[in-house]
Amino acid sequence: FAWAAGTSMAAPHVSCVAALATSQYGRMRPGRVEAMITQTAVPVECPPNPFVPGGDPYWKAYCQGGDAYNSF
């Protein structure tokens, strides 16, 4: 196991959520799937910058954006 973050980790996760939504509700337009995911997501506040997962100084992460819509 290893720590990983960023778009390379976000894309597979959101793709799976989109696949689950499609399997539950049938074929939908891409915009509807996006709206369903965006409207049901729980906002996450930015942690203190920089965020250092596991204390590893090589994996510093900086939160960008506001409290309701940000990079975390």
Protein backbone atom coordinates (compact mmCIF):
# COMPACT_ATOMS: atom_id res chain seq x y z
CA PHE A 1 0.00 0.00 0.00
CA ALA A 2 1.08 3.57 -0.64
CA TRP A 3 -0.33 7.06 -0.19
CA ALA A 4 -1.46 8.71 -3.40
CA ALA A 5 -3.45 11.85 -4.09
CA GLY A 6 -4.40 14.24 -6.85
CA THR A 7 -6.26 13.91 -10.12
CA SER A 8 -4.77 10.48 -10.80
CA MET A 9 -6.64 9.25 -7.73
CA ALA A 10 -9.75 11.42 -8.09
CA ALA A 11 -10.57 10.31 -11.64
CA PRO A 12 -10.95 6.58 -10.86
CA HIS A 13 -13.04 7.34 -7.77
CA VAL A 14 -15.49 9.65 -9.51
CA SER A 15 -15.65 7.29 -12.51
CA CYS A 16 -16.79 4.51 -10.19
CA VAL A 17 -19.41 6.77 -8.62
CA ALA A 18 -20.68 7.66 -12.11
CA ALA A 19 -20.82 3.96 -13.02
CA LEU A 20 -22.75 3.15 -9.84
CA ALA A 21 -25.24 5.97 -10.52
CA THR A 22 -25.72 4.79 -14.09
CA SER A 23 -26.22 1.19 -12.99
CA GLN A 24 -28.83 2.30 -10.45
CA TYR A 25 -30.76 4.85 -12.56
CA GLY A 26 -30.07 3.75 -16.14
CA ARG A 27 -28.64 5.73 -19.02
CA MET A 28 -28.30 9.42 -18.35
CA ARG A 29 -26.77 12.32 -20.16
CA PRO A 30 -23.25 13.19 -18.92
CA GLY A 31 -24.47 16.53 -17.53
CA ARG A 32 -27.11 14.76 -15.43
CA VAL A 33 -24.52 12.37 -13.99
CA GLU A 34 -22.25 15.32 -13.18
CA ALA A 35 -25.12 17.22 -11.54
CA MET A 36 -26.09 14.18 -9.48
CA ILE A 37 -22.53 13.78 -8.20
CA THR A 38 -21.98 17.49 -7.55
CA GLN A 39 -25.33 18.04 -5.82
CA THR A 40 -24.98 15.06 -3.48
CA ALA A 41 -21.31 15.56 -2.53
CA VAL A 42 -20.57 16.55 1.05
CA PRO A 43 -18.40 19.69 1.26
CA VAL A 44 -15.02 19.23 2.93
CA GLU A 45 -13.27 22.20 4.51
CA CYS A 46 -9.64 22.83 3.66
CA PRO A 47 -7.20 21.43 6.21
CA PRO A 48 -4.38 23.69 7.40
CA ASN A 49 -1.87 24.30 4.59
CA PRO A 50 0.28 22.46 3.87
CA PHE A 51 -1.46 19.17 4.56
CA VAL A 52 1.18 16.47 5.16
CA PRO A 53 -0.45 13.03 4.97
CA GLY A 54 1.21 10.51 7.24
CA GLY A 55 3.86 13.06 8.20
CA ASP A 56 5.78 12.39 4.96
CA PRO A 57 7.35 15.73 3.91
CA TYR A 58 7.49 14.62 0.27
CA TRP A 59 3.70 14.54 -0.04
CA LYS A 60 2.75 18.09 0.93
CA ALA A 61 -0.67 19.07 -0.36
CA TYR A 62 -2.09 22.58 -0.58
CA CYS A 63 -5.81 23.20 -0.52
CA GLN A 64 -7.11 25.57 -3.18
CA GLY A 65 -10.61 27.01 -3.35
CA GLY A 66 -13.29 27.89 -0.83
CA ASP A 67 -14.90 25.92 1.98
CA ALA A 68 -17.68 24.47 -0.18
CA TYR A 69 -15.75 23.67 -3.37
CA ASN A 70 -12.02 23.06 -3.16
CA SER A 71 -9.23 20.71 -4.14
CA PHE A 72 -9.90 18.39 -1.19
